[in-house]
Amino acid sequence: MQLQKYENSSIRIPNDETAIAFVRNNINMLCKSSPVYEHGDFHVGNLIYTPDKTIGVIDFNRLECGDKYEEFYKIESFDIEHSIAFSVGEIQGYFNENPPIDFWKIQAVYVAHASLYSIKWAEKLGQKEFDGMMKRCLKSFDHYDNFNLIIPKWYLQNKDKYKLKV
């Protein structure tokens, strides 16, 4: 339904056909595992540094049950623009090193879907927010080579540089 809203909108990303086809052809990969509790909006903007020098998580108003990998698409949307090292560490830390290929396949679907729908979603938020989501969408298209890649370029280029020390 969200993809259809994007397709029917007046604002479209140039050359979006590959991403749309990618989502349509792979949407069945999502939500195959047992549901887990999710923060619902986990990204660097919802982390705080506490007075006791630890990291805290805020903004639990979107708490839900869902796919175990769903939260990770926000790395592409928000975290990499703040810190590639943090983003690589978040992924490698979750998997205690290298993520399985199924993770990347599922992530690519989430990122493609979210990148497209975010354009429609941001229309109502004003020009500044819309421009930001458009910029993020175009970067995602680049990172995934218009969704011809499964693992984004930013991760491939940095996974060894910021390799988790186990």
Protein backbone atom coordinates (compact mmCIF):
# COMPACT_ATOMS: atom_id res chain seq x y z
CA MET A 1 0.00 0.00 0.00
CA GLN A 2 2.83 2.46 0.84
CA LEU A 3 4.64 1.63 -2.39
CA GLN A 4 1.44 2.24 -4.33
CA LYS A 5 1.02 5.62 -2.62
CA TYR A 6 4.51 6.55 -3.78
CA GLU A 7 3.83 5.32 -7.33
CA ASN A 8 0.62 7.35 -7.48
CA SER A 9 2.23 10.52 -6.12
CA SER A 10 3.14 13.50 -8.25
CA ILE A 11 6.76 13.47 -7.07
CA ARG A 12 8.90 10.56 -8.23
CA ILE A 13 12.62 9.79 -8.15
CA PRO A 14 14.21 9.64 -11.61
CA ASN A 15 14.87 6.05 -12.70
CA ASP A 16 12.90 4.58 -9.80
CA GLU A 17 11.64 1.61 -11.84
CA THR A 18 14.47 -0.71 -10.77
CA ALA A 19 13.88 0.02 -7.07
CA ILE A 20 10.12 -0.44 -7.43
CA ALA A 21 10.61 -3.76 -9.22
CA PHE A 22 13.15 -4.82 -6.58
CA VAL A 23 10.66 -4.20 -3.78
CA ARG A 24 7.82 -5.93 -5.62
CA ASN A 25 9.97 -8.97 -6.45
CA ASN A 26 11.38 -9.34 -2.93
CA ILE A 27 8.70 -8.09 -0.52
CA ASN A 28 7.91 -11.71 0.35
CA MET A 29 11.29 -11.95 2.15
CA LEU A 30 10.08 -9.67 4.94
CA CYS A 31 8.55 -10.85 8.21
CA LYS A 32 9.49 -14.52 7.75
CA SER A 33 11.06 -14.92 11.20
CA SER A 34 9.32 -14.94 14.57
CA PRO A 35 8.44 -11.41 15.65
CA VAL A 36 10.59 -9.56 18.17
CA TYR A 37 10.03 -6.42 20.21
CA GLU A 38 11.27 -3.35 18.33
CA HIS A 39 11.97 0.18 19.45
CA GLY A 40 10.18 1.31 16.29
CA ASP A 41 12.40 4.31 15.60
CA PHE A 42 15.91 3.26 16.58
CA HIS A 43 18.53 5.60 15.15
CA VAL A 44 21.29 7.87 16.40
CA GLY A 45 18.80 10.73 16.95
CA ASN A 46 17.12 8.69 19.68
CA LEU A 47 20.29 8.00 21.66
CA ILE A 48 21.42 10.15 24.57
CA TYR A 49 24.60 10.37 26.61
CA THR A 50 23.60 10.07 30.25
CA PRO A 51 25.17 11.75 33.30
CA ASP A 52 26.67 8.40 34.36
CA LYS A 53 28.51 8.28 31.01
CA THR A 54 26.41 5.55 29.38
CA ILE A 55 24.27 5.61 26.26
CA GLY A 56 20.52 5.66 26.73
CA VAL A 57 17.70 5.12 24.25
CA ILE A 58 14.69 7.47 24.20
CA ASP A 59 11.43 7.84 22.27
CA PHE A 60 9.69 4.49 22.71
CA ASN A 61 6.32 5.73 21.43
CA ARG A 62 6.62 3.50 18.33
CA LEU A 63 7.37 0.29 20.24
CA GLU A 64 5.99 -2.72 18.37
CA CYS A 65 6.53 -6.34 17.48
CA GLY A 66 7.94 -7.06 14.05
CA ASP A 67 10.70 -8.43 11.85
CA LYS A 68 14.02 -8.87 13.64
CA TYR A 69 15.87 -6.90 10.95
CA GLU A 70 13.38 -4.10 10.30
CA GLU A 71 14.96 -1.53 12.64
CA PHE A 72 18.22 -1.60 10.71
CA TYR A 73 16.94 0.25 7.63
CA LYS A 74 17.15 3.48 9.60
CA ILE A 75 20.93 3.13 9.58
CA GLU A 76 20.75 3.97 5.87
CA SER A 77 18.16 6.70 6.43
CA PHE A 78 19.75 8.53 9.36
CA ASP A 79 22.85 7.02 10.99
CA ILE A 80 25.39 6.95 8.16
CA GLU A 81 25.12 10.70 7.69
CA HIS A 82 26.30 11.11 11.31
CA SER A 83 28.83 8.29 11.60
CA ILE A 84 29.85 5.47 9.28
CA ALA A 85 31.91 3.97 12.12
CA PHE A 86 28.86 3.86 14.41
CA SER A 87 26.75 2.36 11.62
CA VAL A 88 29.27 -0.40 10.85
CA GLY A 89 29.64 -1.07 14.58
CA GLU A 90 25.89 -1.29 15.10
CA ILE A 91 25.58 -3.97 12.41
CA GLN A 92 28.70 -5.92 13.34
CA GLY A 93 27.86 -5.68 17.04
CA TYR A 94 24.39 -7.11 16.53
CA PHE A 95 25.82 -10.10 14.69
CA ASN A 96 29.01 -10.34 16.76
CA GLU A 97 30.95 -9.67 13.55
CA ASN A 98 29.78 -10.41 9.99
CA PRO A 99 26.08 -10.30 9.14
CA PRO A 100 24.63 -13.19 7.10
CA ILE A 101 23.71 -12.58 3.46
CA ASP A 102 20.01 -12.98 4.33
CA PHE A 103 20.31 -9.89 6.52
CA TRP A 104 21.62 -7.87 3.57
CA LYS A 105 18.94 -9.15 1.20
CA ILE A 106 16.20 -8.22 3.66
CA GLN A 107 17.83 -4.87 4.42
CA ALA A 108 17.98 -3.96 0.75
CA VAL A 109 14.22 -4.51 0.47
CA TYR A 110 13.51 -2.41 3.57
CA VAL A 111 15.83 0.36 2.38
CA ALA A 112 14.36 0.44 -1.13
CA HIS A 113 10.82 0.51 0.24
CA ALA A 114 11.56 3.13 2.90
CA SER A 115 13.54 5.30 0.47
CA LEU A 116 10.64 5.46 -1.94
CA TYR A 117 7.84 5.86 0.57
CA SER A 118 9.77 8.47 2.58
CA ILE A 119 9.31 10.86 -0.34
CA LYS A 120 5.53 10.62 -0.09
CA TRP A 121 5.65 10.65 3.73
CA ALA A 122 7.81 13.80 3.86
CA GLU A 123 5.54 15.86 1.59
CA LYS A 124 3.39 16.91 4.54
CA LEU A 125 6.35 17.92 6.75
CA GLY A 126 7.50 21.01 4.89
CA GLN A 127 10.18 21.76 2.35
CA LYS A 128 13.19 21.33 4.63
CA GLU A 129 12.17 17.83 5.75
CA PHE A 130 11.13 16.90 2.22
CA ASP A 131 14.49 18.01 0.82
CA GLY A 132 16.28 15.99 3.49
CA MET A 133 14.34 12.82 2.68
CA MET A 134 14.88 13.34 -1.05
CA LYS A 135 18.63 13.66 -0.45
CA ARG A 136 18.63 10.49 1.69
CA CYS A 137 16.64 8.60 -0.94
CA LEU A 138 19.05 9.54 -3.70
CA LYS A 139 22.01 8.53 -1.52
CA SER A 140 20.38 5.14 -0.89
CA PHE A 141 19.91 4.68 -4.62
CA ASP A 142 23.62 5.40 -5.04
CA HIS A 143 24.74 3.19 -2.13
CA TYR A 144 22.77 0.26 -3.56
CA ASP A 145 23.52 1.07 -7.21
CA ASN A 146 19.80 1.56 -7.90
CA PHE A 147 19.18 -1.68 -5.98
CA ASN A 148 21.37 -3.79 -8.19
CA LEU A 149 23.58 -4.34 -5.11
CA ILE A 150 22.52 -6.20 -1.96
CA ILE A 151 25.23 -4.83 0.34
CA PRO A 152 25.54 -1.02 0.24
CA LYS A 153 28.78 0.58 -0.94
CA TRP A 154 29.29 2.50 2.32
CA TYR A 155 29.43 -0.78 4.26
CA LEU A 156 31.63 -2.60 1.76
CA GLN A 157 34.09 0.30 1.74
CA ASN A 158 34.26 0.55 5.55
CA LYS A 159 33.57 -2.89 7.07
CA ASP A 160 37.25 -3.73 7.55
CA LYS A 161 38.27 -0.20 8.56
CA TYR A 162 35.86 -0.27 11.50
CA LYS A 163 35.91 -4.02 12.07
CA LEU A 164 34.51 -5.16 15.38
CA LYS A 165 37.23 -6.31 17.76
CA VAL A 166 36.08 -9.62 19.28
